[in-house]
């Protein structure tokens, strides 16, 4: 069984092993667009909150990131977000996928 064939609840020894599974859960283009948009918004909110000293904005960071991603999963991918079983690897996957989309390695 390859790492991309492992079920969502499987244990992964590393992010490198997890990432093919993560990408397999994000094959829908609209879902990827929502993920990247949510991740960019969450990063922007974090930066604005920290640079402006308006730390109350930080409450909106997970809302922005998760809202976009979960819409992508429930309405376009029709699967369960990996955040529920692999929160840290899922966050790393969001950032890696965003980077690959922005650099043209993955289709926007």
PDB file of N, CA and C in Angstrom:
ATOM      1  N   UNK A   1       0.854  -1.176   0.000  1.00  0.00           N
ATOM      2  CA  UNK A   1       0.000   0.000   0.000  1.00  0.00           C
ATOM      3  C   UNK A   1       0.896   1.235   0.000  1.00  0.00           C
ATOM      4  N   UNK A   2       0.727   2.118  -0.962  1.00  0.00           N
ATOM      5  CA  UNK A   2       1.512   3.351  -0.992  1.00  0.00           C
ATOM      6  C   UNK A   2       0.919   4.344  -0.009  1.00  0.00           C
ATOM      7  N   UNK A   3       1.712   5.376   0.329  1.00  0.00           N
ATOM      8  CA  UNK A   3       1.236   6.354   1.315  1.00  0.00           C
ATOM      9  C   UNK A   3      -0.002   7.090   0.835  1.00  0.00           C
ATOM     10  N   UNK A   4      -0.171   7.236  -0.494  1.00  0.00           N
ATOM     11  CA  UNK A   4      -1.358   7.931  -0.993  1.00  0.00           C
ATOM     12  C   UNK A   4      -2.593   7.050  -0.884  1.00  0.00           C
ATOM     13  N   UNK A   5      -2.399   5.730  -0.651  1.00  0.00           N
ATOM     14  CA  UNK A   5      -3.523   4.807  -0.514  1.00  0.00           C
ATOM     15  C   UNK A   5      -3.943   4.613   0.932  1.00  0.00           C
ATOM     16  N   UNK A   6      -3.199   5.163   1.865  1.00  0.00           N
ATOM     17  CA  UNK A   6      -3.544   5.003   3.274  1.00  0.00           C
ATOM     18  C   UNK A   6      -4.821   5.765   3.585  1.00  0.00           C
ATOM     19  N   UNK A   7      -5.628   5.227   4.476  1.00  0.00           N
ATOM     20  CA  UNK A   7      -6.849   5.946   4.877  1.00  0.00           C
ATOM     21  C   UNK A   7      -6.520   7.154   5.737  1.00  0.00           C
ATOM     22  N   UNK A   8      -7.498   8.022   5.892  1.00  0.00           N
ATOM     23  CA  UNK A   8      -7.317   9.281   6.625  1.00  0.00           C
ATOM     24  C   UNK A   8      -6.810   9.068   8.045  1.00  0.00           C
ATOM     25  N   UNK A   9      -7.256   8.033   8.728  1.00  0.00           N
ATOM     26  CA  UNK A   9      -6.873   7.807  10.113  1.00  0.00           C
ATOM     27  C   UNK A   9      -5.561   7.073  10.281  1.00  0.00           C
ATOM     28  N   UNK A  10      -4.890   6.729   9.189  1.00  0.00           N
ATOM     29  CA  UNK A  10      -3.637   5.982   9.264  1.00  0.00           C
ATOM     30  C   UNK A  10      -2.553   6.810   9.935  1.00  0.00           C
ATOM     31  N   UNK A  11      -1.558   6.128  10.464  1.00  0.00           N
ATOM     32  CA  UNK A  11      -0.410   6.814  11.056  1.00  0.00           C
ATOM     33  C   UNK A  11       0.622   7.063   9.965  1.00  0.00           C
ATOM     34  N   UNK A  12       1.201   8.240  10.018  1.00  0.00           N
ATOM     35  CA  UNK A  12       2.236   8.617   9.055  1.00  0.00           C
ATOM     36  C   UNK A  12       3.508   8.905   9.825  1.00  0.00           C
ATOM     37  N   UNK A  13       4.612   8.358   9.343  1.00  0.00           N
ATOM     38  CA  UNK A  13       5.893   8.511  10.039  1.00  0.00           C
ATOM     39  C   UNK A  13       6.501   9.892   9.823  1.00  0.00           C
ATOM     40  N   UNK A  14       6.069  10.575   8.774  1.00  0.00           N
ATOM     41  CA  UNK A  14       6.645  11.880   8.456  1.00  0.00           C
ATOM     42  C   UNK A  14       5.675  12.664   7.587  1.00  0.00           C
ATOM     43  N   UNK A  15       5.942  13.961   7.474  1.00  0.00           N
ATOM     44  CA  UNK A  15       5.139  14.782   6.573  1.00  0.00           C
ATOM     45  C   UNK A  15       5.345  14.323   5.129  1.00  0.00           C
ATOM     46  N   UNK A  16       6.547  13.937   4.812  1.00  0.00           N
ATOM     47  CA  UNK A  16       6.849  13.454   3.448  1.00  0.00           C
ATOM     48  C   UNK A  16       5.955  12.266   3.083  1.00  0.00           C
ATOM     49  N   UNK A  17       5.697  11.409   4.035  1.00  0.00           N
ATOM     50  CA  UNK A  17       4.817  10.264   3.819  1.00  0.00           C
ATOM     51  C   UNK A  17       3.351  10.701   3.746  1.00  0.00           C
ATOM     52  N   UNK A  18       2.979  11.702   4.527  1.00  0.00           N
ATOM     53  CA  UNK A  18       1.603  12.185   4.590  1.00  0.00           C
ATOM     54  C   UNK A  18       1.196  12.989   3.348  1.00  0.00           C
ATOM     55  N   UNK A  19       2.119  13.765   2.801  1.00  0.00           N
ATOM     56  CA  UNK A  19       1.773  14.733   1.749  1.00  0.00           C
ATOM     57  C   UNK A  19       1.102  14.118   0.516  1.00  0.00           C
ATOM     58  N   UNK A  20       1.521  12.953   0.019  1.00  0.00           N
ATOM     59  CA  UNK A  20       0.777  12.365  -1.115  1.00  0.00           C
ATOM     60  C   UNK A  20      -0.690  12.090  -0.778  1.00  0.00           C
ATOM     61  N   UNK A  21      -0.941  11.622   0.456  1.00  0.00           N
ATOM     62  CA  UNK A  21      -2.325  11.429   0.888  1.00  0.00           C
ATOM     63  C   UNK A  21      -3.060  12.764   0.878  1.00  0.00           C
ATOM     64  N   UNK A  22      -2.423  13.791   1.436  1.00  0.00           N
ATOM     65  CA  UNK A  22      -3.022  15.120   1.500  1.00  0.00           C
ATOM     66  C   UNK A  22      -3.395  15.616   0.103  1.00  0.00           C
ATOM     67  N   UNK A  23      -2.466  15.510  -0.836  1.00  0.00           N
ATOM     68  CA  UNK A  23      -2.751  15.964  -2.208  1.00  0.00           C
ATOM     69  C   UNK A  23      -3.884  15.164  -2.840  1.00  0.00           C
ATOM     70  N   UNK A  24      -3.952  13.879  -2.523  1.00  0.00           N
ATOM     71  CA  UNK A  24      -5.038  13.040  -3.040  1.00  0.00           C
ATOM     72  C   UNK A  24      -6.406  13.451  -2.521  1.00  0.00           C
ATOM     73  N   UNK A  25      -6.430  14.117  -1.383  1.00  0.00           N
ATOM     74  CA  UNK A  25      -7.684  14.614  -0.803  1.00  0.00           C
ATOM     75  C   UNK A  25      -8.053  16.002  -1.318  1.00  0.00           C
ATOM     76  N   UNK A  26      -7.225  16.547  -2.228  1.00  0.00           N
ATOM     77  CA  UNK A  26      -7.432  17.892  -2.757  1.00  0.00           C
ATOM     78  C   UNK A  26      -7.297  17.899  -4.276  1.00  0.00           C
ATOM     79  N   UNK A  27      -8.011  17.014  -4.933  1.00  0.00           N
ATOM     80  CA  UNK A  27      -7.905  16.917  -6.390  1.00  0.00           C
ATOM     81  C   UNK A  27      -8.844  17.881  -7.108  1.00  0.00           C
ATOM     82  N   UNK A  28      -9.886  18.317  -6.436  1.00  0.00           N
ATOM     83  CA  UNK A  28     -10.841  19.245  -7.040  1.00  0.00           C
ATOM     84  C   UNK A  28     -10.233  20.645  -7.092  1.00  0.00           C
ATOM     85  N   UNK A  29     -10.238  21.236  -8.271  1.00  0.00           N
ATOM     86  CA  UNK A  29      -9.609  22.546  -8.464  1.00  0.00           C
ATOM     87  C   UNK A  29     -10.256  23.644  -7.619  1.00  0.00           C
ATOM     88  N   UNK A  30     -11.573  23.634  -7.517  1.00  0.00           N
ATOM     89  CA  UNK A  30     -12.268  24.640  -6.704  1.00  0.00           C
ATOM     90  C   UNK A  30     -11.877  24.488  -5.235  1.00  0.00           C
ATOM     91  N   UNK A  31     -11.772  23.264  -4.779  1.00  0.00           N
ATOM     92  CA  UNK A  31     -11.363  23.021  -3.400  1.00  0.00           C
ATOM     93  C   UNK A  31      -9.951  23.553  -3.161  1.00  0.00           C
ATOM     94  N   UNK A  32      -9.035  23.295  -4.095  1.00  0.00           N
ATOM     95  CA  UNK A  32      -7.669  23.824  -3.950  1.00  0.00           C
ATOM     96  C   UNK A  32      -7.682  25.339  -3.910  1.00  0.00           C
ATOM     97  N   UNK A  33      -8.490  25.955  -4.758  1.00  0.00           N
ATOM     98  CA  UNK A  33      -8.579  27.417  -4.764  1.00  0.00           C
ATOM     99  C   UNK A  33      -9.089  27.935  -3.430  1.00  0.00           C
ATOM    100  N   UNK A  34     -10.085  27.266  -2.873  1.00  0.00           N
ATOM    101  CA  UNK A  34     -10.610  27.669  -1.569  1.00  0.00           C
ATOM    102  C   UNK A  34      -9.553  27.506  -0.483  1.00  0.00           C
ATOM    103  N   UNK A  35      -8.822  26.387  -0.516  1.00  0.00           N
ATOM    104  CA  UNK A  35      -7.764  26.163   0.475  1.00  0.00           C
ATOM    105  C   UNK A  35      -6.697  27.250   0.397  1.00  0.00           C
ATOM    106  N   UNK A  36      -6.229  27.528  -0.801  1.00  0.00           N
ATOM    107  CA  UNK A  36      -5.173  28.527  -0.965  1.00  0.00           C
ATOM    108  C   UNK A  36      -5.678  29.903  -0.542  1.00  0.00           C
ATOM    109  N   UNK A  37      -6.897  30.244  -0.914  1.00  0.00           N
ATOM    110  CA  UNK A  37      -7.477  31.532  -0.525  1.00  0.00           C
ATOM    111  C   UNK A  37      -7.586  31.650   0.988  1.00  0.00           C
ATOM    112  N   UNK A  38      -8.081  30.600   1.634  1.00  0.00           N
ATOM    113  CA  UNK A  38      -8.202  30.611   3.091  1.00  0.00           C
ATOM    114  C   UNK A  38      -6.860  30.693   3.788  1.00  0.00           C
ATOM    115  N   UNK A  39      -5.877  29.974   3.271  1.00  0.00           N
ATOM    116  CA  UNK A  39      -4.542  29.999   3.865  1.00  0.00           C
ATOM    117  C   UNK A  39      -3.913  31.381   3.711  1.00  0.00           C
ATOM    118  N   UNK A  40      -4.041  31.971   2.526  1.00  0.00           N
ATOM    119  CA  UNK A  40      -3.511  33.319   2.305  1.00  0.00           C
ATOM    120  C   UNK A  40      -4.202  34.340   3.207  1.00  0.00           C
ATOM    121  N   UNK A  41      -5.524  34.226   3.343  1.00  0.00           N
ATOM    122  CA  UNK A  41      -6.256  35.133   4.219  1.00  0.00           C
ATOM    123  C   UNK A  41      -5.817  34.958   5.670  1.00  0.00           C
ATOM    124  N   UNK A  42      -5.655  33.722   6.116  1.00  0.00           N
ATOM    125  CA  UNK A  42      -5.224  33.465   7.493  1.00  0.00           C
ATOM    126  C   UNK A  42      -3.823  34.041   7.741  1.00  0.00           C
ATOM    127  N   UNK A  43      -2.922  33.858   6.790  1.00  0.00           N
ATOM    128  CA  UNK A  43      -1.571  34.413   6.936  1.00  0.00           C
ATOM    129  C   UNK A  43      -1.593  35.935   6.935  1.00  0.00           C
ATOM    130  N   UNK A  44      -2.419  36.518   6.087  1.00  0.00           N
ATOM    131  CA  UNK A  44      -2.544  37.981   6.024  1.00  0.00           C
ATOM    132  C   UNK A  44      -3.100  38.525   7.337  1.00  0.00           C
ATOM    133  N   UNK A  45      -4.138  37.888   7.855  1.00  0.00           N
ATOM    134  CA  UNK A  45      -4.714  38.322   9.135  1.00  0.00           C
ATOM    135  C   UNK A  45      -3.687  38.226  10.266  1.00  0.00           C
ATOM    136  N   UNK A  46      -2.901  37.161  10.266  1.00  0.00           N
ATOM    137  CA  UNK A  46      -1.866  36.999  11.285  1.00  0.00           C
ATOM    138  C   UNK A  46      -0.860  38.136  11.207  1.00  0.00           C
ATOM    139  N   UNK A  47      -0.411  38.421  10.004  1.00  0.00           N
ATOM    140  CA  UNK A  47       0.571  39.490   9.800  1.00  0.00           C
ATOM    141  C   UNK A  47       0.007  40.842  10.222  1.00  0.00           C
ATOM    142  N   UNK A  48      -1.205  41.150   9.794  1.00  0.00           N
ATOM    143  CA  UNK A  48      -1.838  42.427  10.148  1.00  0.00           C
ATOM    144  C   UNK A  48      -1.999  42.536  11.661  1.00  0.00           C
ATOM    145  N   UNK A  49      -2.451  41.470  12.299  1.00  0.00           N
ATOM    146  CA  UNK A  49      -2.653  41.493  13.747  1.00  0.00           C
ATOM    147  C   UNK A  49      -1.338  41.747  14.481  1.00  0.00           C
ATOM    148  N   UNK A  50      -0.289  41.056  14.054  1.00  0.00           N
ATOM    149  CA  UNK A  50       0.998  41.194  14.736  1.00  0.00           C
ATOM    150  C   UNK A  50       1.660  42.538  14.462  1.00  0.00           C
ATOM    151  N   UNK A  51       1.587  43.000  13.222  1.00  0.00           N
ATOM    152  CA  UNK A  51       2.234  44.268  12.875  1.00  0.00           C
ATOM    153  C   UNK A  51       1.488  45.489  13.408  1.00  0.00           C
ATOM    154  N   UNK A  52       0.167  45.383  13.499  1.00  0.00           N
ATOM    155  CA  UNK A  52      -0.621  46.525  13.963  1.00  0.00           C
ATOM    156  C   UNK A  52      -0.837  46.512  15.469  1.00  0.00           C
ATOM    157  N   UNK A  53      -0.547  45.383  16.097  1.00  0.00           N
ATOM    158  CA  UNK A  53      -0.803  45.268  17.528  1.00  0.00           C
ATOM    159  C   UNK A  53      -2.262  44.989  17.847  1.00  0.00           C
ATOM    160  N   UNK A  54      -3.068  44.775  16.828  1.00  0.00           N
ATOM    161  CA  UNK A  54      -4.498  44.475  17.025  1.00  0.00           C
ATOM    162  C   UNK A  54      -4.660  42.968  17.173  1.00  0.00           C
ATOM    163  N   UNK A  55      -4.218  42.459  18.295  1.00  0.00           N
ATOM    164  CA  UNK A  55      -4.178  41.022  18.514  1.00  0.00           C
ATOM    165  C   UNK A  55      -5.557  40.372  18.554  1.00  0.00           C
ATOM    166  N   UNK A  56      -6.600  41.160  18.742  1.00  0.00           N
ATOM    167  CA  UNK A  56      -7.962  40.614  18.716  1.00  0.00           C
ATOM    168  C   UNK A  56      -8.294  40.017  17.348  1.00  0.00           C
ATOM    169  N   UNK A  57      -7.575  40.453  16.313  1.00  0.00           N
ATOM    170  CA  UNK A  57      -7.794  39.890  14.968  1.00  0.00           C
ATOM    171  C   UNK A  57      -7.382  38.423  14.885  1.00  0.00           C
ATOM    172  N   UNK A  58      -6.565  37.978  15.810  1.00  0.00           N
ATOM    173  CA  UNK A  58      -6.075  36.600  15.751  1.00  0.00           C
ATOM    174  C   UNK A  58      -7.190  35.565  15.889  1.00  0.00           C
ATOM    175  N   UNK A  59      -8.313  35.939  16.509  1.00  0.00           N
ATOM    176  CA  UNK A  59      -9.429  34.997  16.610  1.00  0.00           C
ATOM    177  C   UNK A  59      -9.940  34.619  15.216  1.00  0.00           C
ATOM    178  N   UNK A  60      -9.790  35.510  14.246  1.00  0.00           N
ATOM    179  CA  UNK A  60     -10.311  35.273  12.902  1.00  0.00           C
ATOM    180  C   UNK A  60      -9.394  34.380  12.060  1.00  0.00           C
ATOM    181  N   UNK A  61      -8.171  34.159  12.504  1.00  0.00           N
ATOM    182  CA  UNK A  61      -7.213  33.374  11.714  1.00  0.00           C
ATOM    183  C   UNK A  61      -7.712  31.945  11.479  1.00  0.00           C
ATOM    184  N   UNK A  62      -8.028  31.179  12.521  1.00  0.00           N
ATOM    185  CA  UNK A  62      -8.507  29.817  12.250  1.00  0.00           C
ATOM    186  C   UNK A  62      -9.863  29.799  11.551  1.00  0.00           C
ATOM    187  N   UNK A  63     -10.692  30.785  11.844  1.00  0.00           N
ATOM    188  CA  UNK A  63     -11.999  30.852  11.175  1.00  0.00           C
ATOM    189  C   UNK A  63     -11.804  31.005   9.665  1.00  0.00           C
ATOM    190  N   UNK A  64     -10.935  31.932   9.271  1.00  0.00           N
ATOM    191  CA  UNK A  64     -10.686  32.163   7.842  1.00  0.00           C
ATOM    192  C   UNK A  64     -10.103  30.919   7.184  1.00  0.00           C
ATOM    193  N   UNK A  65      -9.098  30.345   7.796  1.00  0.00           N
ATOM    194  CA  UNK A  65      -8.458  29.176   7.200  1.00  0.00           C
ATOM    195  C   UNK A  65      -9.380  27.981   7.110  1.00  0.00           C
ATOM    196  N   UNK A  66     -10.048  27.655   8.210  1.00  0.00           N
ATOM    197  CA  UNK A  66     -10.906  26.472   8.228  1.00  0.00           C
ATOM    198  C   UNK A  66     -12.186  26.642   7.421  1.00  0.00           C
ATOM    199  N   UNK A  67     -12.791  27.806   7.452  1.00  0.00           N
ATOM    200  CA  UNK A  67     -14.057  28.009   6.736  1.00  0.00           C
ATOM    201  C   UNK A  67     -13.898  27.727   5.247  1.00  0.00           C
ATOM    202  N   UNK A  68     -12.884  28.310   4.638  1.00  0.00           N
ATOM    203  CA  UNK A  68     -12.659  28.087   3.203  1.00  0.00           C
ATOM    204  C   UNK A  68     -12.349  26.617   2.928  1.00  0.00           C
ATOM    205  N   UNK A  69     -11.463  26.031   3.733  1.00  0.00           N
ATOM    206  CA  UNK A  69     -11.053  24.646   3.516  1.00  0.00           C
ATOM    207  C   UNK A  69     -12.225  23.685   3.682  1.00  0.00           C
ATOM    208  N   UNK A  70     -13.021  23.870   4.716  1.00  0.00           N
ATOM    209  CA  UNK A  70     -14.111  22.946   4.963  1.00  0.00           C
ATOM    210  C   UNK A  70     -15.207  23.055   3.915  1.00  0.00           C
ATOM    211  N   UNK A  71     -15.442  24.245   3.385  1.00  0.00           N
ATOM    212  CA  UNK A  71     -16.380  24.374   2.257  1.00  0.00           C
ATOM    213  C   UNK A  71     -15.866  23.540   1.088  1.00  0.00           C
ATOM    214  N   UNK A  72     -14.555  23.625   0.836  1.00  0.00           N
ATOM    215  CA  UNK A  72     -13.953  22.837  -0.239  1.00  0.00           C
ATOM    216  C   UNK A  72     -14.138  21.345  -0.039  1.00  0.00           C
ATOM    217  N   UNK A  73     -13.954  20.883   1.187  1.00  0.00           N
ATOM    218  CA  UNK A  73     -14.096  19.447   1.453  1.00  0.00           C
ATOM    219  C   UNK A  73     -15.544  18.982   1.365  1.00  0.00           C
ATOM    220  N   UNK A  74     -16.434  19.697   2.009  1.00  0.00           N
ATOM    221  CA  UNK A  74     -17.807  19.222   2.102  1.00  0.00           C
ATOM    222  C   UNK A  74     -18.591  19.378   0.807  1.00  0.00           C
ATOM    223  N   UNK A  75     -18.340  20.436   0.044  1.00  0.00           N
ATOM    224  CA  UNK A  75     -19.137  20.683  -1.150  1.00  0.00           C
ATOM    225  C   UNK A  75     -18.460  20.301  -2.462  1.00  0.00           C
ATOM    226  N   UNK A  76     -17.141  20.174  -2.470  1.00  0.00           N
ATOM    227  CA  UNK A  76     -16.449  19.889  -3.729  1.00  0.00           C
ATOM    228  C   UNK A  76     -15.673  18.572  -3.692  1.00  0.00           C
ATOM    229  N   UNK A  77     -14.975  18.296  -2.625  1.00  0.00           N
ATOM    230  CA  UNK A  77     -14.216  17.044  -2.525  1.00  0.00           C
ATOM    231  C   UNK A  77     -15.093  15.899  -2.015  1.00  0.00           C
ATOM    232  N   UNK A  78     -16.087  16.230  -1.209  1.00  0.00           N
ATOM    233  CA  UNK A  78     -16.967  15.234  -0.583  1.00  0.00           C
ATOM    234  C   UNK A  78     -16.167  14.247   0.269  1.00  0.00           C
ATOM    235  N   UNK A  79     -15.246  14.804   1.058  1.00  0.00           N
ATOM    236  CA  UNK A  79     -14.468  13.982   1.978  1.00  0.00           C
ATOM    237  C   UNK A  79     -14.283  14.738   3.292  1.00  0.00           C
ATOM    238  N   UNK A  80     -13.695  14.073   4.239  1.00  0.00           N
ATOM    239  CA  UNK A  80     -13.505  14.641   5.578  1.00  0.00           C
ATOM    240  C   UNK A  80     -12.129  15.296   5.656  1.00  0.00           C
ATOM    241  N   UNK A  81     -12.045  16.523   6.144  1.00  0.00           N
ATOM    242  CA  UNK A  81     -10.744  17.189   6.242  1.00  0.00           C
ATOM    243  C   UNK A  81      -9.741  16.404   7.093  1.00  0.00           C
ATOM    244  N   UNK A  82      -8.504  16.367   6.648  1.00  0.00           N
ATOM    245  CA  UNK A  82      -7.442  15.670   7.386  1.00  0.00           C
ATOM    246  C   UNK A  82      -7.136  16.363   8.714  1.00  0.00           C
ATOM    247  N   UNK A  83      -7.608  17.583   8.882  1.00  0.00           N
ATOM    248  CA  UNK A  83      -7.393  18.322  10.126  1.00  0.00           C
ATOM    249  C   UNK A  83      -7.890  17.536  11.333  1.00  0.00           C
ATOM    250  N   UNK A  84      -8.953  16.764  11.155  1.00  0.00           N
ATOM    251  CA  UNK A  84      -9.542  16.040  12.281  1.00  0.00           C
ATOM    252  C   UNK A  84      -8.645  14.915  12.790  1.00  0.00           C
ATOM    253  N   UNK A  85      -7.837  14.331  11.905  1.00  0.00           N
ATOM    254  CA  UNK A  85      -6.992  13.215  12.311  1.00  0.00           C
ATOM    255  C   UNK A  85      -5.507  13.571  12.341  1.00  0.00           C
ATOM    256  N   UNK A  86      -5.112  14.561  11.560  1.00  0.00           N
ATOM    257  CA  UNK A  86      -3.696  14.946  11.465  1.00  0.00           C
ATOM    258  C   UNK A  86      -3.580  16.477  11.428  1.00  0.00           C
ATOM    259  N   UNK A  87      -3.869  17.165  12.535  1.00  0.00           N
ATOM    260  CA  UNK A  87      -3.915  18.631  12.505  1.00  0.00           C
ATOM    261  C   UNK A  87      -2.600  19.303  12.111  1.00  0.00           C
ATOM    262  N   UNK A  88      -1.468  18.844  12.647  1.00  0.00           N
ATOM    263  CA  UNK A  88      -0.197  19.492  12.326  1.00  0.00           C
ATOM    264  C   UNK A  88       0.213  19.224  10.883  1.00  0.00           C
ATOM    265  N   UNK A  89       0.152  17.953  10.460  1.00  0.00           N
ATOM    266  CA  UNK A  89       0.491  17.624   9.076  1.00  0.00           C
ATOM    267  C   UNK A  89      -0.464  18.305   8.098  1.00  0.00           C
ATOM    268  N   UNK A  90      -1.714  18.450   8.479  1.00  0.00           N
ATOM    269  CA  UNK A  90      -2.686  19.119   7.622  1.00  0.00           C
ATOM    270  C   UNK A  90      -2.323  20.588   7.429  1.00  0.00           C
ATOM    271  N   UNK A  91      -1.936  21.257   8.503  1.00  0.00           N
ATOM    272  CA  UNK A  91      -1.496  22.653   8.400  1.00  0.00           C
ATOM    273  C   UNK A  91      -0.265  22.753   7.498  1.00  0.00           C
ATOM    274  N   UNK A  92       0.676  21.852   7.706  1.00  0.00           N
ATOM    275  CA  UNK A  92       1.871  21.833   6.844  1.00  0.00           C
ATOM    276  C   UNK A  92       1.468  21.576   5.389  1.00  0.00           C
ATOM    277  N   UNK A  93       0.490  20.707   5.185  1.00  0.00           N
ATOM    278  CA  UNK A  93       0.000  20.427   3.833  1.00  0.00           C
ATOM    279  C   UNK A  93      -0.628  21.652   3.198  1.00  0.00           C
ATOM    280  N   UNK A  94      -1.400  22.405   3.976  1.00  0.00           N
ATOM    281  CA  UNK A  94      -1.996  23.647   3.460  1.00  0.00           C
ATOM    282  C   UNK A  94      -0.906  24.603   2.985  1.00  0.00           C
ATOM    283  N   UNK A  95       0.116  24.761   3.802  1.00  0.00           N
ATOM    284  CA  UNK A  95       1.199  25.682   3.458  1.00  0.00           C
ATOM    285  C   UNK A  95       2.000  25.177   2.255  1.00  0.00           C
ATOM    286  N   UNK A  96       2.277  23.875   2.221  1.00  0.00           N
ATOM    287  CA  UNK A  96       3.034  23.303   1.095  1.00  0.00           C
ATOM    288  C   UNK A  96       2.233  23.397  -0.198  1.00  0.00           C
ATOM    289  N   UNK A  97       0.935  23.074  -0.130  1.00  0.00           N
ATOM    290  CA  UNK A  97       0.106  23.144  -1.332  1.00  0.00           C
ATOM    291  C   UNK A  97      -0.018  24.590  -1.810  1.00  0.00           C
ATOM    292  N   UNK A  98      -0.179  25.539  -0.884  1.00  0.00           N
ATOM    293  CA  UNK A  98      -0.245  26.943  -1.265  1.00  0.00           C
ATOM    294  C   UNK A  98       1.039  27.346  -1.995  1.00  0.00           C
ATOM    295  N   UNK A  99       2.178  26.965  -1.447  1.00  0.00           N
ATOM    296  CA  UNK A  99       3.462  27.278  -2.076  1.00  0.00           C
ATOM    297  C   UNK A  99       3.532  26.676  -3.485  1.00  0.00           C
ATOM    298  N   UNK A 100       3.122  25.424  -3.619  1.00  0.00           N
ATOM    299  CA  UNK A 100       3.190  24.765  -4.924  1.00  0.00           C
ATOM    300  C   UNK A 100       2.213  25.378  -5.925  1.00  0.00           C
ATOM    301  N   UNK A 101       1.061  25.837  -5.457  1.00  0.00           N
ATOM    302  CA  UNK A 101       0.114  26.520  -6.339  1.00  0.00           C
ATOM    303  C   UNK A 101       0.691  27.864  -6.769  1.00  0.00           C
ATOM    304  N   UNK A 102       1.220  28.619  -5.825  1.00  0.00           N
ATOM    305  CA  UNK A 102       1.747  29.954  -6.123  1.00  0.00           C
ATOM    306  C   UNK A 102       2.991  29.904  -7.010  1.00  0.00           C
ATOM    307  N   UNK A 103       3.732  28.814  -6.954  1.00  0.00           N
ATOM    308  CA  UNK A 103       4.928  28.669  -7.792  1.00  0.00           C
ATOM    309  C   UNK A 103       4.656  27.921  -9.090  1.00  0.00           C
ATOM    310  N   UNK A 104       3.403  27.542  -9.312  1.00  0.00           N
ATOM    311  CA  UNK A 104       3.034  26.889 -10.563  1.00  0.00           C
ATOM    312  C   UNK A 104       3.256  25.390 -10.615  1.00  0.00           C
ATOM    313  N   UNK A 105       3.668  24.773  -9.528  1.00  0.00           N
ATOM    314  CA  UNK A 105       3.885  23.314  -9.528  1.00  0.00           C
ATOM    315  C   UNK A 105       2.575  22.540  -9.495  1.00  0.00           C
ATOM    316  N   UNK A 106       1.548  23.166  -8.922  1.00  0.00           N
ATOM    317  CA  UNK A 106       0.205  22.579  -8.899  1.00  0.00           C
ATOM    318  C   UNK A 106      -0.726  23.577  -9.585  1.00  0.00           C
ATOM    319  N   UNK A 107      -1.624  23.067 -10.410  1.00  0.00           N
ATOM    320  CA  UNK A 107      -2.533  23.927 -11.167  1.00  0.00           C
ATOM    321  C   UNK A 107      -3.498  24.667 -10.252  1.00  0.00           C
ATOM    322  N   UNK A 108      -3.632  25.953 -10.467  1.00  0.00           N
ATOM    323  CA  UNK A 108      -4.546  26.810  -9.707  1.00  0.00           C
ATOM    324  C   UNK A 108      -5.924  26.596 -10.244  1.00  0.00           C
TER     325      UNK A 108
END
